[in-house]
Amino acid sequence: GEWALEPEPALLGRLAADGLLRVAAGGRALAYVRPGWAGDQLWAPFIVGSGAPLRDLAMALRFEADTLGMSGVSVWAYDGHPAEIDLRETGYDSETEPFRLHYYALRLDS
C-alpha cells in the first residue's frame, strides 16, 4: 500500500492525476498529500527533497492547509530523513514514534 510508498512512475502518475502530489522548485521537492484521518489536517505520508526547495514545499503545504481551513499539516519521515532539519526550520515540531518514524506537525493558530 501507500504506507510503504515506492516512487515508481506509474504510482506517481496516478497520484498526480488524482491531484495528490505537490511539487516545488522545478521538481527538487515532492510530497504526496491527502486529508488526514479526521479531515482537519493536511497529511503528507511521503516527502522528498532537502534544503530551500523542501522548505518552500513545507511552507506551501502550510498555506494550503490554512486556505482549506484545516488545523495544520502532518508529515511522516523516517529516522534520519534529510528533511528533518528543513522541517524544523520551517516551524514543524517533531515527535518520534516507536516504529522509527518521525512525525512532524505544524499547528495553525486561528
N, C-alpha and C. Protein backbone atom coordinates (compact mmCIF):
# COMPACT_ATOMS: atom_id res chain seq x y z
N GLY A 1 0.81 -1.19 0.00
CA GLY A 1 0.00 0.00 0.00
C GLY A 1 0.85 1.24 0.00
N GLU A 2 0.21 2.36 0.24
CA GLU A 2 0.88 3.63 0.18
C GLU A 2 1.58 4.00 1.48
N TRP A 3 1.54 3.11 2.50
CA TRP A 3 2.34 3.31 3.70
C TRP A 3 3.80 3.11 3.37
N ALA A 4 4.09 2.21 2.44
CA ALA A 4 5.46 1.95 2.00
C ALA A 4 5.56 2.41 0.55
N LEU A 5 5.42 3.71 0.35
CA LEU A 5 5.35 4.28 -0.98
C LEU A 5 6.67 4.11 -1.72
N GLU A 6 6.63 3.45 -2.85
CA GLU A 6 7.77 3.34 -3.74
C GLU A 6 7.51 4.31 -4.89
N PRO A 7 8.35 5.31 -5.06
CA PRO A 7 8.06 6.35 -6.06
C PRO A 7 8.33 5.90 -7.50
N GLU A 8 7.59 4.91 -7.95
CA GLU A 8 7.74 4.46 -9.32
C GLU A 8 6.83 5.31 -10.22
N PRO A 9 7.20 5.46 -11.49
CA PRO A 9 6.48 6.36 -12.39
C PRO A 9 4.97 6.13 -12.47
N ALA A 10 4.52 4.88 -12.51
CA ALA A 10 3.08 4.61 -12.61
C ALA A 10 2.33 5.14 -11.40
N LEU A 11 2.87 4.91 -10.19
CA LEU A 11 2.21 5.40 -8.99
C LEU A 11 2.23 6.92 -8.93
N LEU A 12 3.37 7.52 -9.23
CA LEU A 12 3.44 8.99 -9.22
C LEU A 12 2.48 9.58 -10.23
N GLY A 13 2.36 8.95 -11.40
CA GLY A 13 1.42 9.42 -12.41
C GLY A 13 -0.02 9.35 -11.92
N ARG A 14 -0.38 8.26 -11.23
CA ARG A 14 -1.73 8.13 -10.69
C ARG A 14 -2.00 9.17 -9.61
N LEU A 15 -1.03 9.37 -8.71
CA LEU A 15 -1.20 10.36 -7.66
C LEU A 15 -1.31 11.77 -8.23
N ALA A 16 -0.51 12.06 -9.26
CA ALA A 16 -0.58 13.37 -9.90
C ALA A 16 -1.94 13.56 -10.57
N ALA A 17 -2.42 12.53 -11.27
CA ALA A 17 -3.72 12.61 -11.94
C ALA A 17 -4.85 12.83 -10.92
N ASP A 18 -4.68 12.28 -9.73
CA ASP A 18 -5.68 12.44 -8.66
C ASP A 18 -5.52 13.75 -7.90
N GLY A 19 -4.50 14.56 -8.25
CA GLY A 19 -4.27 15.83 -7.58
C GLY A 19 -3.65 15.70 -6.21
N LEU A 20 -2.92 14.60 -5.97
CA LEU A 20 -2.37 14.33 -4.64
C LEU A 20 -0.87 14.59 -4.52
N LEU A 21 -0.23 15.11 -5.56
CA LEU A 21 1.20 15.43 -5.48
C LEU A 21 1.38 16.93 -5.43
N ARG A 22 2.34 17.36 -4.63
CA ARG A 22 2.74 18.76 -4.60
C ARG A 22 4.23 18.78 -4.93
N VAL A 23 4.60 19.66 -5.85
CA VAL A 23 5.97 19.74 -6.33
C VAL A 23 6.44 21.18 -6.17
N ALA A 24 7.69 21.34 -5.75
CA ALA A 24 8.26 22.68 -5.59
C ALA A 24 9.61 22.75 -6.29
N ALA A 25 10.01 23.96 -6.60
CA ALA A 25 11.35 24.26 -7.13
C ALA A 25 11.75 23.38 -8.30
N GLY A 26 10.92 23.35 -9.32
CA GLY A 26 11.27 22.62 -10.52
C GLY A 26 11.43 21.13 -10.30
N GLY A 27 10.71 20.56 -9.34
CA GLY A 27 10.77 19.13 -9.11
C GLY A 27 11.81 18.68 -8.11
N ARG A 28 12.47 19.62 -7.41
CA ARG A 28 13.51 19.23 -6.45
C ARG A 28 12.96 18.90 -5.07
N ALA A 29 11.65 19.04 -4.89
CA ALA A 29 10.97 18.61 -3.66
C ALA A 29 9.57 18.16 -4.05
N LEU A 30 9.12 17.08 -3.42
CA LEU A 30 7.84 16.48 -3.78
C LEU A 30 7.17 15.91 -2.54
N ALA A 31 5.86 16.05 -2.48
CA ALA A 31 5.10 15.46 -1.38
C ALA A 31 3.82 14.84 -1.92
N TYR A 32 3.49 13.69 -1.37
CA TYR A 32 2.18 13.07 -1.59
C TYR A 32 1.32 13.55 -0.44
N VAL A 33 0.18 14.17 -0.74
CA VAL A 33 -0.67 14.72 0.31
C VAL A 33 -2.09 14.21 0.19
N ARG A 34 -2.76 14.22 1.33
CA ARG A 34 -4.19 13.89 1.38
C ARG A 34 -4.72 14.40 2.71
N PRO A 35 -6.04 14.52 2.83
CA PRO A 35 -6.59 14.93 4.14
C PRO A 35 -6.27 13.87 5.19
N GLY A 36 -6.01 14.31 6.40
CA GLY A 36 -5.74 13.38 7.49
C GLY A 36 -6.98 12.58 7.86
N TRP A 37 -6.80 11.65 8.78
CA TRP A 37 -7.91 10.76 9.16
C TRP A 37 -9.12 11.53 9.65
N ALA A 38 -8.94 12.54 10.45
CA ALA A 38 -10.07 13.30 10.97
C ALA A 38 -10.50 14.40 10.00
N GLY A 39 -9.74 14.60 8.93
CA GLY A 39 -10.09 15.60 7.93
C GLY A 39 -9.73 17.02 8.32
N ASP A 40 -9.10 17.20 9.49
CA ASP A 40 -8.78 18.56 9.91
C ASP A 40 -7.33 18.94 9.68
N GLN A 41 -6.54 18.01 9.13
CA GLN A 41 -5.14 18.31 8.82
C GLN A 41 -4.80 17.81 7.42
N LEU A 42 -3.86 18.49 6.79
CA LEU A 42 -3.29 18.02 5.53
C LEU A 42 -2.19 17.03 5.92
N TRP A 43 -2.22 15.85 5.37
CA TRP A 43 -1.30 14.78 5.75
C TRP A 43 -0.36 14.47 4.61
N ALA A 44 0.95 14.42 4.86
CA ALA A 44 1.95 14.09 3.85
C ALA A 44 2.71 12.85 4.32
N PRO A 45 2.25 11.65 3.93
CA PRO A 45 2.94 10.44 4.35
C PRO A 45 4.21 10.16 3.56
N PHE A 46 4.47 10.94 2.52
CA PHE A 46 5.66 10.75 1.69
C PHE A 46 6.15 12.12 1.26
N ILE A 47 7.42 12.42 1.58
CA ILE A 47 8.00 13.71 1.20
C ILE A 47 9.47 13.48 0.85
N VAL A 48 9.93 14.11 -0.22
CA VAL A 48 11.34 14.01 -0.62
C VAL A 48 11.86 15.40 -0.96
N GLY A 49 13.15 15.56 -0.79
CA GLY A 49 13.80 16.83 -1.06
C GLY A 49 14.57 17.29 0.16
N SER A 50 15.30 18.35 0.00
CA SER A 50 16.01 18.94 1.13
C SER A 50 16.40 20.36 0.75
N GLY A 51 16.85 21.10 1.74
CA GLY A 51 17.30 22.46 1.51
C GLY A 51 16.15 23.40 1.17
N ALA A 52 16.47 24.47 0.45
CA ALA A 52 15.49 25.50 0.12
C ALA A 52 14.25 24.95 -0.60
N PRO A 53 14.39 24.03 -1.57
CA PRO A 53 13.18 23.50 -2.20
C PRO A 53 12.23 22.82 -1.21
N LEU A 54 12.79 22.06 -0.28
CA LEU A 54 11.95 21.38 0.71
C LEU A 54 11.31 22.39 1.66
N ARG A 55 12.06 23.39 2.08
CA ARG A 55 11.49 24.42 2.96
C ARG A 55 10.35 25.16 2.25
N ASP A 56 10.54 25.46 0.96
CA ASP A 56 9.47 26.11 0.18
C ASP A 56 8.23 25.22 0.12
N LEU A 57 8.43 23.93 -0.11
CA LEU A 57 7.32 22.99 -0.16
C LEU A 57 6.62 22.90 1.19
N ALA A 58 7.39 22.83 2.28
CA ALA A 58 6.80 22.74 3.62
C ALA A 58 5.94 23.97 3.90
N MET A 59 6.40 25.14 3.51
CA MET A 59 5.61 26.36 3.71
C MET A 59 4.39 26.37 2.80
N ALA A 60 4.53 25.87 1.58
CA ALA A 60 3.38 25.80 0.67
C ALA A 60 2.29 24.89 1.24
N LEU A 61 2.70 23.78 1.86
CA LEU A 61 1.73 22.88 2.49
C LEU A 61 1.02 23.58 3.63
N ARG A 62 1.77 24.37 4.38
CA ARG A 62 1.19 25.14 5.49
C ARG A 62 0.13 26.10 4.97
N PHE A 63 0.43 26.81 3.87
CA PHE A 63 -0.53 27.76 3.32
C PHE A 63 -1.73 27.05 2.70
N GLU A 64 -1.50 25.91 2.09
CA GLU A 64 -2.61 25.12 1.53
C GLU A 64 -3.56 24.70 2.64
N ALA A 65 -3.02 24.17 3.73
CA ALA A 65 -3.86 23.76 4.85
C ALA A 65 -4.64 24.94 5.40
N ASP A 66 -3.99 26.09 5.49
CA ASP A 66 -4.63 27.29 6.01
C ASP A 66 -5.79 27.71 5.11
N THR A 67 -5.57 27.72 3.80
CA THR A 67 -6.64 28.14 2.88
C THR A 67 -7.81 27.15 2.87
N LEU A 68 -7.54 25.89 3.21
CA LEU A 68 -8.60 24.89 3.27
C LEU A 68 -9.31 24.87 4.63
N GLY A 69 -8.87 25.74 5.54
CA GLY A 69 -9.48 25.82 6.86
C GLY A 69 -9.08 24.66 7.77
N MET A 70 -7.97 24.02 7.47
CA MET A 70 -7.51 22.89 8.28
C MET A 70 -6.69 23.40 9.47
N SER A 71 -6.50 22.54 10.47
CA SER A 71 -5.80 22.95 11.68
C SER A 71 -4.28 22.81 11.58
N GLY A 72 -3.76 22.16 10.54
CA GLY A 72 -2.32 22.02 10.42
C GLY A 72 -1.92 21.03 9.35
N VAL A 73 -0.64 20.69 9.37
CA VAL A 73 -0.02 19.76 8.41
C VAL A 73 0.72 18.69 9.21
N SER A 74 0.59 17.45 8.79
CA SER A 74 1.34 16.35 9.40
C SER A 74 2.20 15.70 8.34
N VAL A 75 3.47 15.45 8.67
CA VAL A 75 4.42 14.83 7.76
C VAL A 75 5.05 13.64 8.47
N TRP A 76 5.11 12.49 7.79
CA TRP A 76 5.83 11.33 8.32
C TRP A 76 7.17 11.24 7.60
N ALA A 77 8.25 11.07 8.36
CA ALA A 77 9.58 10.93 7.78
C ALA A 77 10.36 9.89 8.59
N TYR A 78 11.08 9.05 7.91
CA TYR A 78 11.85 8.01 8.60
C TYR A 78 12.99 8.64 9.40
N ASP A 79 13.48 7.88 10.36
CA ASP A 79 14.58 8.33 11.21
C ASP A 79 15.79 8.67 10.34
N GLY A 80 16.32 9.87 10.47
CA GLY A 80 17.47 10.30 9.68
C GLY A 80 17.10 10.89 8.33
N HIS A 81 15.82 11.16 8.09
CA HIS A 81 15.37 11.72 6.81
C HIS A 81 16.07 13.05 6.55
N PRO A 82 16.49 13.30 5.31
CA PRO A 82 17.17 14.56 5.00
C PRO A 82 16.32 15.80 5.28
N ALA A 83 15.01 15.64 5.38
CA ALA A 83 14.12 16.79 5.59
C ALA A 83 14.00 17.22 7.05
N GLU A 84 14.56 16.45 7.99
CA GLU A 84 14.38 16.75 9.41
C GLU A 84 14.73 18.20 9.75
N ILE A 85 15.89 18.64 9.39
CA ILE A 85 16.33 20.00 9.74
C ILE A 85 15.47 21.03 9.03
N ASP A 86 15.17 20.79 7.76
CA ASP A 86 14.38 21.75 6.99
C ASP A 86 12.97 21.88 7.55
N LEU A 87 12.37 20.76 7.99
CA LEU A 87 11.04 20.83 8.58
C LEU A 87 11.06 21.61 9.88
N ARG A 88 12.06 21.36 10.70
CA ARG A 88 12.16 22.12 11.96
C ARG A 88 12.37 23.61 11.68
N GLU A 89 13.18 23.93 10.68
CA GLU A 89 13.46 25.34 10.36
C GLU A 89 12.22 26.07 9.85
N THR A 90 11.24 25.34 9.34
CA THR A 90 10.02 25.99 8.86
C THR A 90 8.88 25.91 9.88
N GLY A 91 9.20 25.52 11.13
CA GLY A 91 8.23 25.58 12.20
C GLY A 91 7.55 24.28 12.56
N TYR A 92 7.88 23.19 11.90
CA TYR A 92 7.27 21.90 12.21
C TYR A 92 7.93 21.33 13.47
N ASP A 93 7.12 20.78 14.36
CA ASP A 93 7.62 20.12 15.57
C ASP A 93 7.74 18.64 15.30
N SER A 94 8.65 17.97 16.01
CA SER A 94 8.89 16.56 15.80
C SER A 94 8.49 15.74 17.02
N GLU A 95 7.96 14.55 16.74
CA GLU A 95 7.63 13.59 17.79
C GLU A 95 8.00 12.22 17.23
N THR A 96 8.89 11.51 17.91
CA THR A 96 9.33 10.21 17.42
C THR A 96 8.36 9.13 17.85
N GLU A 97 7.96 8.31 16.90
CA GLU A 97 7.07 7.20 17.16
C GLU A 97 7.90 5.94 17.36
N PRO A 98 7.37 4.93 18.04
CA PRO A 98 8.15 3.72 18.36
C PRO A 98 8.61 2.94 17.13
N PHE A 99 8.02 3.14 15.97
CA PHE A 99 8.43 2.38 14.80
C PHE A 99 9.42 3.15 13.94
N ARG A 100 10.16 4.07 14.55
CA ARG A 100 11.29 4.79 13.98
C ARG A 100 10.91 5.72 12.83
N LEU A 101 9.73 6.27 12.91
CA LEU A 101 9.34 7.35 12.01
C LEU A 101 9.24 8.61 12.85
N HIS A 102 9.50 9.72 12.24
CA HIS A 102 9.30 10.99 12.92
C HIS A 102 8.03 11.61 12.38
N TYR A 103 7.26 12.13 13.28
CA TYR A 103 6.00 12.79 12.96
C TYR A 103 6.24 14.27 13.13
N TYR A 104 6.14 15.03 12.06
CA TYR A 104 6.30 16.47 12.12
C TYR A 104 4.94 17.11 11.94
N ALA A 105 4.64 18.09 12.75
CA ALA A 105 3.35 18.75 12.65
C ALA A 105 3.52 20.25 12.78
N LEU A 106 2.68 20.94 12.07
CA LEU A 106 2.64 22.40 12.15
C LEU A 106 1.20 22.78 12.44
N ARG A 107 0.93 23.26 13.65
CA ARG A 107 -0.41 23.67 14.03
C ARG A 107 -0.63 25.10 13.60
N LEU A 108 -1.78 25.37 13.02
CA LEU A 108 -2.13 26.70 12.59
C LEU A 108 -3.02 27.33 13.66
N ASP A 109 -2.67 28.51 14.09
CA ASP A 109 -3.49 29.21 15.09
C ASP A 109 -4.59 29.97 14.37
N SER A 110 -5.76 29.97 14.99
CA SER A 110 -6.91 30.67 14.41
C SER A 110 -6.78 32.16 14.59
